[in-house]
């Protein structure tokens, strides 16, 4: 079950199947995509993704899967990848609360989120050696980029799970918090972002994605930044930010 609540320009999306550690079947993936669609339609200026219970998401729900006729490409290529791309492109800052198990597709949900705050005792990695399967949903790219080839394959071969503290220290995710503080810290950050200059945030989000995906060099990146900055000159928030600075007051951004 996927729950959506919207308040004060922030969407709160909750994976709410704690009995199965929020593992995702085909219907849950569709419902999660629908929640993001509804949040976008509502015009929210930030989004928080979290899991109910003792885990964020343990990955795919394989409780009823027969490996002899499993349509892996249909699940991953047809459902998961389009969802992750949709989440990554959400037109506002997105934040995730990572606690407990964050595995497989659950790890992919975090990769597709802008800012990830992790609980100290979260469990992150690739337990698939025990299933005869491999890491999916972007895990190889994340680990290789942040950890290098040797540490990536060590995690995959051994099935060892990193704690949230280890993952944050290695640069996998944004910041680490005590388990009982991570939710509030994430909600506070999302609330602050929802009062910010949304168009400027979105410009940075798009720049980061292009620089990452296209492996752009320094001066190519600078040219894109110049163009983005010029486009922002036409926004209400840009003008408000300058006026507030000149008048020595706090800006009141509207997201336009």
Foldseek 3Di string as FASTA:
>chain_A
DWDWDDDPLEIEIELEDVVQQSADEQVNLVVVLVNLVVSVVVVRQEYEYAYPDQFGYQYHDCVPPDVVPDPVCCPCVVGLVVSLVSLLLRLHAYEYEGGAEQAASSVLNVVSHDAYEYAQAHWAAYQCVVVVDFHDNCPVVLCCVQPNDVVNVVCGVVVHTDGSVVCVVSVSGDYYDHPVCRVVVRVVVRSVSSQAQSLVVSLVSVLVVCCVVVVDDDVVSVVSVVVSVVVCVPDPQVVQVVVCVVVVHDGGHDND
